[in-house]
PDB file of N, CA and C in Angstrom:
ATOM      1  N   UNK A   1       0.055 -11.682   3.574  1.00  0.00           N
ATOM      2  CA  UNK A   1       1.486 -11.874   3.604  1.00  0.00           C
ATOM      3  C   UNK A   1       1.835 -13.169   2.855  1.00  0.00           C
ATOM      4  N   UNK A   2       2.832 -13.059   2.012  1.00  0.00           N
ATOM      5  CA  UNK A   2       3.339 -14.217   1.271  1.00  0.00           C
ATOM      6  C   UNK A   2       4.411 -14.880   2.129  1.00  0.00           C
ATOM      7  N   UNK A   3       4.375 -16.203   2.217  1.00  0.00           N
ATOM      8  CA  UNK A   3       5.414 -16.917   2.958  1.00  0.00           C
ATOM      9  C   UNK A   3       6.210 -17.778   1.996  1.00  0.00           C
ATOM     10  N   UNK A   4       7.532 -17.645   2.075  1.00  0.00           N
ATOM     11  CA  UNK A   4       8.441 -18.398   1.212  1.00  0.00           C
ATOM     12  C   UNK A   4       9.309 -19.286   2.093  1.00  0.00           C
ATOM     13  N   UNK A   5       9.303 -20.581   1.797  1.00  0.00           N
ATOM     14  CA  UNK A   5      10.133 -21.517   2.547  1.00  0.00           C
ATOM     15  C   UNK A   5      11.415 -21.748   1.763  1.00  0.00           C
ATOM     16  N   UNK A   6      12.540 -21.622   2.463  1.00  0.00           N
ATOM     17  CA  UNK A   6      13.818 -21.894   1.820  1.00  0.00           C
ATOM     18  C   UNK A   6      14.481 -23.081   2.520  1.00  0.00           C
ATOM     19  N   UNK A   7      15.280 -23.823   1.759  1.00  0.00           N
ATOM     20  CA  UNK A   7      15.965 -24.996   2.306  1.00  0.00           C
ATOM     21  C   UNK A   7      17.437 -24.715   2.563  1.00  0.00           C
ATOM     22  N   UNK A   8      17.826 -23.465   2.429  1.00  0.00           N
ATOM     23  CA  UNK A   8      19.211 -23.066   2.637  1.00  0.00           C
ATOM     24  C   UNK A   8      19.282 -22.095   3.807  1.00  0.00           C
ATOM     25  N   UNK A   9      20.487 -21.701   4.171  1.00  0.00           N
ATOM     26  CA  UNK A   9      20.665 -20.791   5.299  1.00  0.00           C
ATOM     27  C   UNK A   9      20.092 -19.407   5.007  1.00  0.00           C
ATOM     28  N   UNK A  10      20.202 -18.970   3.745  1.00  0.00           N
ATOM     29  CA  UNK A  10      19.722 -17.646   3.351  1.00  0.00           C
ATOM     30  C   UNK A  10      19.376 -17.660   1.865  1.00  0.00           C
ATOM     31  N   UNK A  11      18.742 -16.568   1.411  1.00  0.00           N
ATOM     32  CA  UNK A  11      18.462 -16.349  -0.003  1.00  0.00           C
ATOM     33  C   UNK A  11      18.809 -14.889  -0.283  1.00  0.00           C
ATOM     34  N   UNK A  12      19.284 -14.620  -1.483  1.00  0.00           N
ATOM     35  CA  UNK A  12      19.612 -13.234  -1.829  1.00  0.00           C
ATOM     36  C   UNK A  12      18.324 -12.475  -2.127  1.00  0.00           C
ATOM     37  N   UNK A  13      18.346 -11.194  -1.825  1.00  0.00           N
ATOM     38  CA  UNK A  13      17.155 -10.356  -1.935  1.00  0.00           C
ATOM     39  C   UNK A  13      16.561 -10.384  -3.337  1.00  0.00           C
ATOM     40  N   UNK A  14      17.385 -10.249  -4.360  1.00  0.00           N
ATOM     41  CA  UNK A  14      16.890 -10.288  -5.736  1.00  0.00           C
ATOM     42  C   UNK A  14      16.215 -11.606  -6.068  1.00  0.00           C
ATOM     43  N   UNK A  15      16.792 -12.703  -5.605  1.00  0.00           N
ATOM     44  CA  UNK A  15      16.211 -14.024  -5.841  1.00  0.00           C
ATOM     45  C   UNK A  15      14.866 -14.158  -5.144  1.00  0.00           C
ATOM     46  N   UNK A  16      14.776 -13.598  -3.946  1.00  0.00           N
ATOM     47  CA  UNK A  16      13.518 -13.669  -3.202  1.00  0.00           C
ATOM     48  C   UNK A  16      12.405 -12.929  -3.927  1.00  0.00           C
ATOM     49  N   UNK A  17      12.711 -11.765  -4.479  1.00  0.00           N
ATOM     50  CA  UNK A  17      11.688 -11.016  -5.218  1.00  0.00           C
ATOM     51  C   UNK A  17      11.178 -11.811  -6.407  1.00  0.00           C
ATOM     52  N   UNK A  18      12.084 -12.484  -7.107  1.00  0.00           N
ATOM     53  CA  UNK A  18      11.668 -13.315  -8.246  1.00  0.00           C
ATOM     54  C   UNK A  18      10.876 -14.524  -7.773  1.00  0.00           C
ATOM     55  N   UNK A  19      11.363 -15.217  -6.750  1.00  0.00           N
ATOM     56  CA  UNK A  19      10.713 -16.432  -6.257  1.00  0.00           C
ATOM     57  C   UNK A  19       9.305 -16.161  -5.750  1.00  0.00           C
ATOM     58  N   UNK A  20       9.115 -15.016  -5.132  1.00  0.00           N
ATOM     59  CA  UNK A  20       7.806 -14.673  -4.563  1.00  0.00           C
ATOM     60  C   UNK A  20       6.835 -14.130  -5.601  1.00  0.00           C
ATOM     61  N   UNK A  21       7.337 -13.838  -6.800  1.00  0.00           N
ATOM     62  CA  UNK A  21       6.479 -13.307  -7.855  1.00  0.00           C
ATOM     63  C   UNK A  21       6.332 -11.793  -7.818  1.00  0.00           C
ATOM     64  N   UNK A  22       7.045 -11.117  -6.925  1.00  0.00           N
ATOM     65  CA  UNK A  22       6.955  -9.661  -6.851  1.00  0.00           C
ATOM     66  C   UNK A  22       7.724  -8.987  -7.979  1.00  0.00           C
ATOM     67  N   UNK A  23       8.688  -9.702  -8.562  1.00  0.00           N
ATOM     68  CA  UNK A  23       9.438  -9.188  -9.714  1.00  0.00           C
ATOM     69  C   UNK A  23       9.372 -10.237 -10.811  1.00  0.00           C
ATOM     70  N   UNK A  24       9.094  -9.788 -12.035  1.00  0.00           N
ATOM     71  CA  UNK A  24       8.974 -10.716 -13.161  1.00  0.00           C
ATOM     72  C   UNK A  24      10.316 -11.277 -13.618  1.00  0.00           C
ATOM     73  N   UNK A  25      11.392 -10.553 -13.347  1.00  0.00           N
ATOM     74  CA  UNK A  25      12.713 -10.992 -13.789  1.00  0.00           C
ATOM     75  C   UNK A  25      13.781 -10.424 -12.860  1.00  0.00           C
ATOM     76  N   UNK A  26      14.994 -10.911 -13.049  1.00  0.00           N
ATOM     77  CA  UNK A  26      16.108 -10.412 -12.264  1.00  0.00           C
ATOM     78  C   UNK A  26      16.388  -8.944 -12.521  1.00  0.00           C
ATOM     79  N   UNK A  27      16.171  -8.515 -13.763  1.00  0.00           N
ATOM     80  CA  UNK A  27      16.434  -7.105 -14.068  1.00  0.00           C
ATOM     81  C   UNK A  27      15.419  -6.193 -13.384  1.00  0.00           C
ATOM     82  N   UNK A  28      14.177  -6.629 -13.298  1.00  0.00           N
ATOM     83  CA  UNK A  28      13.180  -5.839 -12.570  1.00  0.00           C
ATOM     84  C   UNK A  28      13.503  -5.838 -11.075  1.00  0.00           C
ATOM     85  N   UNK A  29      13.890  -6.989 -10.536  1.00  0.00           N
ATOM     86  CA  UNK A  29      14.254  -7.061  -9.119  1.00  0.00           C
ATOM     87  C   UNK A  29      15.391  -6.098  -8.819  1.00  0.00           C
ATOM     88  N   UNK A  30      16.412  -6.096  -9.671  1.00  0.00           N
ATOM     89  CA  UNK A  30      17.554  -5.201  -9.474  1.00  0.00           C
ATOM     90  C   UNK A  30      17.101  -3.744  -9.486  1.00  0.00           C
ATOM     91  N   UNK A  31      16.245  -3.388 -10.436  1.00  0.00           N
ATOM     92  CA  UNK A  31      15.771  -2.015 -10.555  1.00  0.00           C
ATOM     93  C   UNK A  31      15.004  -1.602  -9.290  1.00  0.00           C
ATOM     94  N   UNK A  32      14.096  -2.463  -8.820  1.00  0.00           N
ATOM     95  CA  UNK A  32      13.316  -2.144  -7.629  1.00  0.00           C
ATOM     96  C   UNK A  32      14.224  -1.939  -6.416  1.00  0.00           C
ATOM     97  N   UNK A  33      15.223  -2.801  -6.278  1.00  0.00           N
ATOM     98  CA  UNK A  33      16.123  -2.726  -5.127  1.00  0.00           C
ATOM     99  C   UNK A  33      16.984  -1.470  -5.192  1.00  0.00           C
ATOM    100  N   UNK A  34      17.625  -1.234  -6.338  1.00  0.00           N
ATOM    101  CA  UNK A  34      18.530  -0.087  -6.489  1.00  0.00           C
ATOM    102  C   UNK A  34      17.797   1.242  -6.324  1.00  0.00           C
ATOM    103  N   UNK A  35      16.531   1.278  -6.727  1.00  0.00           N
ATOM    104  CA  UNK A  35      15.746   2.508  -6.596  1.00  0.00           C
ATOM    105  C   UNK A  35      15.177   2.706  -5.186  1.00  0.00           C
ATOM    106  N   UNK A  36      15.519   1.806  -4.263  1.00  0.00           N
ATOM    107  CA  UNK A  36      15.091   1.970  -2.874  1.00  0.00           C
ATOM    108  C   UNK A  36      13.635   1.635  -2.618  1.00  0.00           C
ATOM    109  N   UNK A  37      13.073   0.765  -3.442  1.00  0.00           N
ATOM    110  CA  UNK A  37      11.662   0.424  -3.313  1.00  0.00           C
ATOM    111  C   UNK A  37      11.415  -0.802  -2.432  1.00  0.00           C
ATOM    112  N   UNK A  38      12.494  -1.423  -1.950  1.00  0.00           N
ATOM    113  CA  UNK A  38      12.381  -2.666  -1.186  1.00  0.00           C
ATOM    114  C   UNK A  38      12.980  -2.463   0.206  1.00  0.00           C
ATOM    115  N   UNK A  39      12.290  -2.970   1.217  1.00  0.00           N
ATOM    116  CA  UNK A  39      12.848  -2.898   2.566  1.00  0.00           C
ATOM    117  C   UNK A  39      12.913  -4.297   3.172  1.00  0.00           C
ATOM    118  N   UNK A  40      13.889  -4.465   4.052  1.00  0.00           N
ATOM    119  CA  UNK A  40      14.067  -5.719   4.782  1.00  0.00           C
ATOM    120  C   UNK A  40      13.956  -5.377   6.264  1.00  0.00           C
ATOM    121  N   UNK A  41      13.004  -6.003   6.916  1.00  0.00           N
ATOM    122  CA  UNK A  41      12.746  -5.746   8.339  1.00  0.00           C
ATOM    123  C   UNK A  41      12.563  -4.248   8.624  1.00  0.00           C
ATOM    124  N   UNK A  42      11.872  -3.566   7.718  1.00  0.00           N
ATOM    125  CA  UNK A  42      11.538  -2.161   7.924  1.00  0.00           C
ATOM    126  C   UNK A  42      12.592  -1.157   7.493  1.00  0.00           C
ATOM    127  N   UNK A  43      13.732  -1.627   6.969  1.00  0.00           N
ATOM    128  CA  UNK A  43      14.797  -0.731   6.534  1.00  0.00           C
ATOM    129  C   UNK A  43      15.075  -0.908   5.044  1.00  0.00           C
ATOM    130  N   UNK A  44      15.110   0.200   4.311  1.00  0.00           N
ATOM    131  CA  UNK A  44      15.405   0.142   2.874  1.00  0.00           C
ATOM    132  C   UNK A  44      16.821  -0.379   2.679  1.00  0.00           C
ATOM    133  N   UNK A  45      16.976  -1.302   1.733  1.00  0.00           N
ATOM    134  CA  UNK A  45      18.295  -1.851   1.424  1.00  0.00           C
ATOM    135  C   UNK A  45      18.457  -1.857  -0.084  1.00  0.00           C
ATOM    136  N   UNK A  46      19.545  -1.281  -0.581  1.00  0.00           N
ATOM    137  CA  UNK A  46      19.751  -1.173  -2.029  1.00  0.00           C
ATOM    138  C   UNK A  46      20.762  -2.194  -2.548  1.00  0.00           C
ATOM    139  N   UNK A  47      21.044  -3.228  -1.747  1.00  0.00           N
ATOM    140  CA  UNK A  47      21.976  -4.279  -2.168  1.00  0.00           C
ATOM    141  C   UNK A  47      21.205  -5.482  -2.687  1.00  0.00           C
ATOM    142  N   UNK A  48      21.350  -5.754  -3.972  1.00  0.00           N
ATOM    143  CA  UNK A  48      20.645  -6.881  -4.582  1.00  0.00           C
ATOM    144  C   UNK A  48      21.087  -8.206  -3.964  1.00  0.00           C
ATOM    145  N   UNK A  49      22.356  -8.283  -3.565  1.00  0.00           N
ATOM    146  CA  UNK A  49      22.896  -9.502  -2.982  1.00  0.00           C
ATOM    147  C   UNK A  49      22.698  -9.613  -1.486  1.00  0.00           C
ATOM    148  N   UNK A  50      21.920  -8.725  -0.906  1.00  0.00           N
ATOM    149  CA  UNK A  50      21.640  -8.760   0.535  1.00  0.00           C
ATOM    150  C   UNK A  50      21.134 -10.148   0.909  1.00  0.00           C
ATOM    151  N   UNK A  51      21.705 -10.720   1.934  1.00  0.00           N
ATOM    152  CA  UNK A  51      21.277 -12.036   2.396  1.00  0.00           C
ATOM    153  C   UNK A  51      20.043 -11.885   3.276  1.00  0.00           C
ATOM    154  N   UNK A  52      19.020 -12.663   2.956  1.00  0.00           N
ATOM    155  CA  UNK A  52      17.775 -12.641   3.707  1.00  0.00           C
ATOM    156  C   UNK A  52      17.634 -14.008   4.377  1.00  0.00           C
ATOM    157  N   UNK A  53      17.383 -13.995   5.673  1.00  0.00           N
ATOM    158  CA  UNK A  53      17.358 -15.220   6.471  1.00  0.00           C
ATOM    159  C   UNK A  53      15.944 -15.541   6.937  1.00  0.00           C
ATOM    160  N   UNK A  54      15.697 -16.804   7.322  1.00  0.00           N
ATOM    161  CA  UNK A  54      14.387 -17.147   7.885  1.00  0.00           C
ATOM    162  C   UNK A  54      14.021 -16.204   9.030  1.00  0.00           C
ATOM    163  N   UNK A  55      12.784 -15.751   9.024  1.00  0.00           N
ATOM    164  CA  UNK A  55      12.307 -14.804  10.024  1.00  0.00           C
ATOM    165  C   UNK A  55      12.299 -13.366   9.520  1.00  0.00           C
ATOM    166  N   UNK A  56      13.080 -13.094   8.460  1.00  0.00           N
ATOM    167  CA  UNK A  56      13.106 -11.743   7.888  1.00  0.00           C
ATOM    168  C   UNK A  56      11.822 -11.471   7.114  1.00  0.00           C
ATOM    169  N   UNK A  57      11.436 -10.204   7.086  1.00  0.00           N
ATOM    170  CA  UNK A  57      10.256  -9.788   6.321  1.00  0.00           C
ATOM    171  C   UNK A  57      10.687  -8.738   5.308  1.00  0.00           C
ATOM    172  N   UNK A  58      10.378  -9.013   4.049  1.00  0.00           N
ATOM    173  CA  UNK A  58      10.710  -8.113   2.942  1.00  0.00           C
ATOM    174  C   UNK A  58       9.428  -7.441   2.487  1.00  0.00           C
ATOM    175  N   UNK A  59       9.484  -6.126   2.311  1.00  0.00           N
ATOM    176  CA  UNK A  59       8.302  -5.359   1.899  1.00  0.00           C
ATOM    177  C   UNK A  59       8.564  -4.664   0.576  1.00  0.00           C
ATOM    178  N   UNK A  60       7.598  -4.775  -0.343  1.00  0.00           N
ATOM    179  CA  UNK A  60       7.664  -4.124  -1.645  1.00  0.00           C
ATOM    180  C   UNK A  60       6.247  -3.760  -2.063  1.00  0.00           C
ATOM    181  N   UNK A  61       5.998  -2.500  -2.333  1.00  0.00           N
ATOM    182  CA  UNK A  61       4.685  -1.998  -2.761  1.00  0.00           C
ATOM    183  C   UNK A  61       3.550  -2.515  -1.870  1.00  0.00           C
ATOM    184  N   UNK A  62       3.681  -2.319  -0.581  1.00  0.00           N
ATOM    185  CA  UNK A  62       2.667  -2.721   0.396  1.00  0.00           C
ATOM    186  C   UNK A  62       2.417  -4.223   0.465  1.00  0.00           C
ATOM    187  N   UNK A  63       3.294  -5.014  -0.121  1.00  0.00           N
ATOM    188  CA  UNK A  63       3.206  -6.476  -0.027  1.00  0.00           C
ATOM    189  C   UNK A  63       4.367  -6.957   0.805  1.00  0.00           C
ATOM    190  N   UNK A  64       4.080  -7.914   1.701  1.00  0.00           N
ATOM    191  CA  UNK A  64       5.116  -8.437   2.571  1.00  0.00           C
ATOM    192  C   UNK A  64       5.393  -9.900   2.259  1.00  0.00           C
ATOM    193  N   UNK A  65       6.676 -10.243   2.331  1.00  0.00           N
ATOM    194  CA  UNK A  65       7.115 -11.626   2.136  1.00  0.00           C
ATOM    195  C   UNK A  65       7.888 -12.035   3.382  1.00  0.00           C
ATOM    196  N   UNK A  66       7.457 -13.112   4.001  1.00  0.00           N
ATOM    197  CA  UNK A  66       8.159 -13.646   5.175  1.00  0.00           C
ATOM    198  C   UNK A  66       8.929 -14.880   4.738  1.00  0.00           C
ATOM    199  N   UNK A  67      10.197 -14.919   5.132  1.00  0.00           N
ATOM    200  CA  UNK A  67      11.041 -16.058   4.803  1.00  0.00           C
ATOM    201  C   UNK A  67      10.963 -17.066   5.946  1.00  0.00           C
ATOM    202  N   UNK A  68      10.691 -18.308   5.590  1.00  0.00           N
ATOM    203  CA  UNK A  68      10.633 -19.392   6.574  1.00  0.00           C
ATOM    204  C   UNK A  68      11.705 -20.416   6.273  1.00  0.00           C
TER     205      UNK A  68
END
């Protein structure tokens, strides 16, 4: 599991994919999200601007990212 520490209240889902290295660019992050390939806390979410908070777990291609 990858752990990402943020210094703000939340991070947007697309930004998290880029920051964690799961997406090479914003356009790839958008594509993965819109195609339903990303889930937050076990539920697929197709909103690139979805707010992700500390404690949330994002899953993409069997890789998990925990926000701290």
